[in-house]
Protein backbone atom coordinates (compact mmCIF):
# COMPACT_ATOMS: atom_id res chain seq x y z
CA MET A 1 -64.77 55.34 -132.21
CA ARG A 2 -64.50 54.17 -135.80
CA ARG A 3 -67.79 53.93 -137.68
CA ARG A 4 -67.26 50.29 -138.55
CA ASP A 5 -67.10 49.44 -134.84
CA LEU A 6 -70.67 50.57 -134.27
CA VAL A 7 -72.23 47.47 -135.78
CA VAL A 8 -70.16 45.22 -133.58
CA LEU A 9 -71.27 47.03 -130.46
CA ALA A 10 -74.89 47.00 -131.60
CA GLY A 11 -74.71 43.25 -132.07
CA ALA A 12 -72.87 42.47 -128.87
CA ALA A 13 -74.99 44.70 -126.68
CA LEU A 14 -78.15 42.75 -127.41
CA VAL A 15 -76.84 39.37 -126.29
CA SER A 16 -75.99 38.29 -122.78
CA PRO A 17 -72.88 36.15 -122.35
CA ARG A 18 -73.51 32.43 -122.03
CA PRO A 19 -71.11 29.93 -120.54
CA GLY A 20 -69.73 27.36 -122.93
CA ARG A 21 -66.93 25.00 -123.68
CA ALA A 22 -64.79 27.70 -125.23
CA GLN A 23 -64.43 29.52 -121.90
CA GLN A 24 -61.79 26.97 -121.01
CA THR A 25 -59.67 28.08 -123.96
CA GLU A 26 -57.03 30.52 -122.75
CA ARG A 27 -55.57 31.48 -126.11
CA VAL A 28 -57.48 34.25 -127.84
CA ARG A 29 -58.37 33.22 -131.40
CA ARG A 30 -58.48 35.81 -134.16
CA ILE A 31 -61.41 35.83 -136.60
CA GLY A 32 -61.49 37.95 -139.74
CA TYR A 33 -64.89 39.17 -140.95
CA LEU A 34 -65.36 40.76 -144.37
CA THR A 35 -68.76 41.87 -145.66
CA PRO A 36 -69.98 44.10 -148.50
CA ALA A 37 -72.32 45.83 -146.02
CA THR A 38 -71.30 49.42 -145.29
CA GLY A 39 -71.05 49.13 -141.52
CA ALA A 40 -73.17 52.24 -140.95
CA PRO A 41 -75.54 51.98 -137.97
CA ASP A 42 -78.51 52.59 -140.27
CA ASN A 43 -77.52 49.76 -142.64
CA ILE A 44 -79.97 47.27 -141.14
CA PHE A 45 -78.76 44.40 -143.31
CA GLY A 46 -75.21 44.73 -142.04
CA VAL A 47 -76.34 45.31 -138.45
CA LEU A 48 -78.52 42.19 -138.33
CA GLN A 49 -75.99 39.98 -140.10
CA THR A 50 -73.27 40.97 -137.65
CA ARG A 51 -75.61 40.55 -134.70
CA ALA A 52 -76.56 37.03 -135.87
CA LEU A 53 -72.90 36.07 -136.20
CA VAL A 54 -72.00 37.45 -132.75
CA GLU A 55 -75.01 35.72 -131.18
CA GLY A 56 -74.19 32.43 -132.86
CA LEU A 57 -70.61 32.53 -131.63
CA ARG A 58 -71.70 33.45 -128.09
CA GLU A 59 -74.09 30.50 -128.01
CA LEU A 60 -71.09 28.28 -128.70
CA GLY A 61 -69.01 29.93 -125.99
CA TRP A 62 -66.96 32.37 -128.07
CA ALA A 63 -67.11 35.99 -126.91
CA ASP A 64 -65.36 38.89 -128.64
CA GLY A 65 -62.87 40.42 -126.22
CA ARG A 66 -62.66 37.28 -124.06
CA ASN A 67 -61.52 34.27 -126.07
CA ILE A 68 -61.83 35.61 -129.61
CA ALA A 69 -60.89 38.87 -131.31
CA ILE A 70 -62.96 39.73 -134.38
CA GLU A 71 -61.31 41.91 -137.02
CA HIS A 72 -64.21 43.53 -138.91
CA ARG A 73 -64.03 45.02 -142.40
CA PHE A 74 -67.19 46.59 -143.86
CA ALA A 75 -66.19 47.09 -147.47
CA GLY A 76 -69.33 48.26 -149.22
CA ASP A 77 -69.94 47.15 -152.82
CA ALA A 78 -66.77 48.59 -154.41
CA ARG A 79 -64.69 45.68 -155.70
CA GLU A 80 -61.41 47.56 -155.23
CA ARG A 81 -62.17 48.14 -151.54
CA ILE A 82 -63.24 44.51 -151.12
CA ARG A 83 -59.89 43.36 -152.53
CA ALA A 84 -57.98 45.80 -150.33
CA ASN A 85 -59.82 44.65 -147.21
CA ALA A 86 -59.24 41.01 -148.12
CA LYS A 87 -55.51 41.69 -148.40
CA GLU A 88 -55.54 43.44 -145.00
CA LEU A 89 -57.27 40.57 -143.25
CA VAL A 90 -55.05 37.88 -144.78
CA ALA A 91 -51.96 39.87 -143.73
CA LEU A 92 -53.18 39.60 -140.11
CA ASN A 93 -52.99 35.79 -140.42
CA PRO A 94 -56.19 35.08 -138.45
CA ASP A 95 -57.27 31.58 -137.41
CA VAL A 96 -60.30 31.77 -139.72
CA ILE A 97 -61.95 34.36 -141.98
CA MET A 98 -65.69 34.73 -142.52
CA GLY A 99 -66.68 36.23 -145.89
CA VAL A 100 -70.10 37.35 -147.13
CA GLY A 101 -70.96 36.91 -150.80
CA GLY A 102 -69.24 35.72 -153.96
CA PRO A 103 -67.10 38.82 -154.66
CA VAL A 104 -65.76 38.73 -151.10
CA LEU A 105 -65.01 35.01 -151.30
CA ALA A 106 -63.24 35.46 -154.63
CA ALA A 107 -61.09 38.25 -153.18
CA LEU A 108 -60.17 36.19 -150.12
CA LEU A 109 -59.26 33.11 -152.15
CA ALA A 110 -57.09 35.26 -154.39
CA GLU A 111 -55.09 36.19 -151.29
CA THR A 112 -54.85 32.85 -149.47
CA ARG A 113 -55.29 29.15 -150.08
CA THR A 114 -54.21 28.18 -146.58
CA ILE A 115 -56.16 30.27 -144.03
CA PRO A 116 -59.58 28.63 -143.41
CA ILE A 117 -62.48 30.60 -144.91
CA VAL A 118 -66.15 30.26 -144.00
CA PHE A 119 -68.59 31.88 -146.41
CA SER A 120 -72.26 32.80 -146.56
CA ASN A 121 -74.56 34.28 -149.22
CA VAL A 122 -72.69 32.64 -152.10
CA ASN A 123 -74.68 31.43 -155.07
CA ASP A 124 -73.37 28.33 -156.86
CA PRO A 125 -69.99 27.96 -155.09
CA VAL A 126 -69.18 24.93 -157.27
CA GLY A 127 -69.92 26.70 -160.55
CA GLY A 128 -67.97 29.70 -159.31
CA GLY A 129 -64.90 27.52 -158.79
CA PHE A 130 -64.79 28.20 -155.05
CA VAL A 131 -65.20 24.57 -153.92
CA ALA A 132 -64.72 21.19 -155.59
CA SER A 133 -68.16 19.92 -154.53
CA LEU A 134 -70.83 20.66 -151.96
CA ALA A 135 -70.32 17.35 -150.18
CA ARG A 136 -66.54 17.65 -150.00
CA PRO A 137 -65.35 21.17 -150.74
CA GLY A 138 -61.62 20.47 -150.57
CA GLY A 139 -59.29 23.44 -150.28
CA ASN A 140 -59.62 26.03 -147.54
CA ALA A 141 -63.24 27.24 -147.95
CA THR A 142 -66.67 26.00 -146.91
CA GLY A 143 -69.88 27.52 -145.63
CA VAL A 144 -73.50 28.20 -146.53
CA ALA A 145 -74.66 28.61 -150.12
CA VAL A 146 -77.86 30.46 -151.03
CA SER A 147 -78.97 28.83 -154.27
CA GLU A 148 -81.76 31.19 -155.27
CA ALA A 149 -82.04 30.17 -158.93
CA PRO A 150 -84.51 27.31 -158.25
CA ILE A 151 -86.92 29.70 -156.48
CA ALA A 152 -86.49 32.67 -158.83
CA GLY A 153 -89.53 31.62 -160.85
CA LYS A 154 -91.56 31.74 -157.64
CA TRP A 155 -90.83 35.46 -157.34
CA VAL A 156 -92.58 36.06 -160.65
CA GLU A 157 -95.56 33.96 -159.59
CA LEU A 158 -95.93 36.00 -156.41
CA LEU A 159 -95.73 39.29 -158.30
CA LYS A 160 -98.42 38.24 -160.74
CA GLU A 161 -100.60 36.94 -157.92
CA ILE A 162 -100.51 40.17 -155.93
CA ALA A 163 -100.51 42.44 -158.99
CA PRO A 164 -102.34 40.60 -161.82
CA GLY A 165 -101.98 43.58 -164.15
CA VAL A 166 -98.19 43.28 -164.30
CA THR A 167 -96.97 42.59 -167.85
CA ARG A 168 -93.37 43.81 -167.74
CA VAL A 169 -90.90 43.26 -164.90
CA MET A 170 -87.41 44.70 -164.42
CA VAL A 171 -84.45 42.83 -162.93
CA LEU A 172 -81.88 44.78 -160.87
CA MET A 173 -78.61 42.87 -160.72
CA GLU A 174 -74.83 43.16 -160.71
CA ALA A 175 -73.88 42.78 -164.36
CA ASP A 176 -70.50 41.13 -163.71
CA ALA A 177 -71.78 38.57 -161.20
CA ARG A 178 -72.23 35.15 -162.83
CA PRO A 179 -74.65 33.82 -160.17
CA GLN A 180 -76.89 36.86 -160.56
CA LYS A 181 -76.88 36.38 -164.33
CA LEU A 182 -78.06 32.83 -163.64
CA LEU A 183 -80.88 34.19 -161.49
CA ALA A 184 -81.89 36.62 -164.22
CA ASP A 185 -81.93 33.81 -166.80
CA THR A 186 -84.06 31.67 -164.50
CA VAL A 187 -86.51 34.50 -163.95
CA ALA A 188 -86.62 35.21 -167.67
CA ALA A 189 -87.93 31.70 -168.24
CA ALA A 190 -91.11 32.82 -166.48
CA ALA A 191 -90.83 36.61 -166.95
CA PRO A 192 -88.23 39.26 -166.03
CA GLN A 193 -88.08 40.02 -162.26
CA ASN A 194 -86.38 42.17 -159.61
CA THR A 195 -83.52 41.30 -157.24
CA ILE A 196 -81.51 43.96 -155.40
CA ILE A 197 -78.32 44.91 -153.59
CA ALA A 198 -78.69 45.24 -149.84
CA ASN A 199 -76.86 48.55 -149.58
CA ASN A 200 -79.46 50.22 -151.84
CA MET A 201 -82.44 48.91 -149.87
CA GLU A 202 -83.99 52.24 -148.86
CA ARG A 203 -83.40 53.81 -152.26
CA VAL A 204 -85.06 50.92 -154.09
CA HIS A 205 -88.03 50.98 -151.69
CA ALA A 206 -88.41 54.74 -152.23
CA LEU A 207 -88.28 54.44 -156.02
CA ALA A 208 -90.76 51.58 -156.02
CA ALA A 209 -93.15 53.66 -153.91
CA ARG A 210 -92.64 56.79 -156.00
CA TYR A 211 -93.44 55.05 -159.27
CA ARG A 212 -96.01 52.72 -157.67
CA LEU A 213 -94.15 49.58 -158.73
CA PRO A 214 -94.85 46.25 -156.98
CA ALA A 215 -91.55 44.52 -156.18
CA VAL A 216 -90.49 41.14 -154.83
CA TYR A 217 -87.24 40.53 -152.97
CA SER A 218 -85.01 37.63 -152.01
CA TYR A 219 -84.72 38.01 -148.22
CA PRO A 220 -87.41 38.57 -145.52
CA ILE A 221 -85.63 41.71 -144.27
CA TYR A 222 -86.68 43.56 -147.42
CA ALA A 223 -90.40 43.19 -146.69
CA LYS A 224 -89.80 44.21 -143.07
CA THR A 225 -88.12 47.43 -144.19
CA GLY A 226 -90.83 48.50 -146.63
CA GLY A 227 -90.70 46.13 -149.59
CA LEU A 228 -93.95 44.60 -150.84
CA LEU A 229 -93.06 40.90 -150.90
CA SER A 230 -90.07 38.74 -150.12
CA TYR A 231 -89.45 35.05 -150.59
CA GLY A 232 -86.17 33.39 -149.74
CA ALA A 233 -83.94 31.88 -147.10
CA ASP A 234 -83.78 33.36 -143.61
CA ASN A 235 -80.45 35.05 -144.12
CA PHE A 236 -79.81 35.73 -140.46
CA ALA A 237 -80.51 32.14 -139.41
CA LEU A 238 -77.81 31.16 -141.90
CA PHE A 239 -75.31 33.31 -140.00
CA HIS A 240 -75.90 31.14 -136.94
CA GLU A 241 -74.89 28.18 -139.10
CA VAL A 242 -71.76 30.07 -140.15
CA ALA A 243 -70.91 30.42 -136.46
CA ARG A 244 -71.04 26.62 -136.15
CA TYR A 245 -68.53 26.25 -138.98
CA ILE A 246 -66.21 28.75 -137.30
CA ASP A 247 -66.57 26.86 -134.03
CA GLN A 248 -65.62 23.55 -135.66
CA ILE A 249 -62.62 25.05 -137.43
CA LEU A 250 -61.36 26.70 -134.24
CA ARG A 251 -61.56 23.26 -132.63
CA GLY A 252 -59.43 21.64 -135.32
CA ALA A 253 -61.73 20.72 -138.24
CA LYS A 254 -60.52 21.32 -141.79
CA PRO A 255 -62.83 23.42 -144.00
CA GLY A 256 -62.30 21.11 -146.95
CA ASP A 257 -63.87 18.26 -144.98
CA LEU A 258 -67.00 20.20 -143.93
CA PRO A 259 -69.87 19.95 -146.47
CA VAL A 260 -71.33 23.16 -147.84
CA GLN A 261 -74.87 23.64 -146.57
CA GLN A 262 -77.85 24.93 -148.51
CA PRO A 263 -81.02 26.45 -147.03
CA THR A 264 -83.93 24.05 -146.78
CA ARG A 265 -86.53 26.48 -145.43
CA PHE A 266 -87.77 29.51 -147.33
CA LEU A 267 -89.83 32.31 -145.81
CA LEU A 268 -92.61 34.32 -147.40
CA ALA A 269 -93.19 37.81 -145.98
CA VAL A 270 -95.72 40.42 -147.12
CA ASN A 271 -96.01 44.06 -146.13
CA LEU A 272 -99.69 45.09 -145.97
CA LYS A 273 -98.85 48.76 -145.46
CA THR A 274 -96.86 48.83 -148.69
CA ALA A 275 -99.58 46.92 -150.53
CA LYS A 276 -102.16 49.48 -149.41
CA ALA A 277 -99.95 52.37 -150.52
CA LEU A 278 -99.67 50.75 -153.95
CA GLY A 279 -103.42 50.20 -154.15
CA LEU A 280 -103.04 46.42 -154.12
CA SER A 281 -105.24 43.87 -152.40
CA VAL A 282 -103.39 40.94 -150.83
CA SER A 283 -105.22 37.68 -151.49
CA GLN A 284 -106.16 35.28 -148.73
CA SER A 285 -104.02 32.71 -150.53
CA ILE A 286 -100.86 34.78 -149.97
CA LEU A 287 -101.84 35.67 -146.40
CA ALA A 288 -102.43 32.01 -145.57
CA ARG A 289 -99.01 31.02 -146.92
CA ALA A 290 -97.07 33.94 -145.45
CA ASP A 291 -94.64 33.21 -142.62
CA GLU A 292 -94.73 36.86 -141.64
CA VAL A 293 -97.30 39.61 -142.31
CA ILE A 294 -96.14 43.15 -141.64
CA GLU A 295 -99.10 45.37 -140.69
């Protein structure tokens, strides 16, 4: 069994098949799926994203191996591998391709302007030149944006609230990613801050613990896996929305006519165990506002 197949099985095994309209479709549709997650079973971000996508498709009646065939590519962060995987998927001529993140979307659009593409985890798709507008994307791509810049200042507020002694904050970002530069600039308006790459989750948590550094993250999964605080969109709920886009396209909709969605609900999660290890006291104000408290 190939390593990249493990995530698919982990996702599919946790969902029971549900009947749906798509069961009546005899032709098997092919879906490409390209993500910068590594595909390793211990990469929880990649596992949960894939599981959310599989669950979302099943809820709409699409089951891998029955009426759809999902071609998975777990590229990791290397841009050269992302481009190579994008080329591979486009060569298969699938009915639709799902891409995670700006670098993946850019690589896919460089390979095709005709195959429908549904994206997630893309900051500022208009500014990045991926779509003409959020309301009417045009072209062959649409999906779910994660505009984090407006809430980046909130990350700094949370850090200073839980660790009042903080005077200097470091930002971890991809230097060549324009949207992440925008996030860094937004944070700098309040104070420098920290945002991370999912594939380095455990390493960043370990370094933060080793040097006793309070850190705030952009997705709830980071607090669940040992981070101190997280504030951002429910990334895995967004993958259910991606499944709805795929469903509409498989039923004949054009991606250029489907408006790009943006998250409207943001979740605050706090890890009390990590706070205790750092010698921090979590205020009642944060606890009262938290959507999830990890004991």
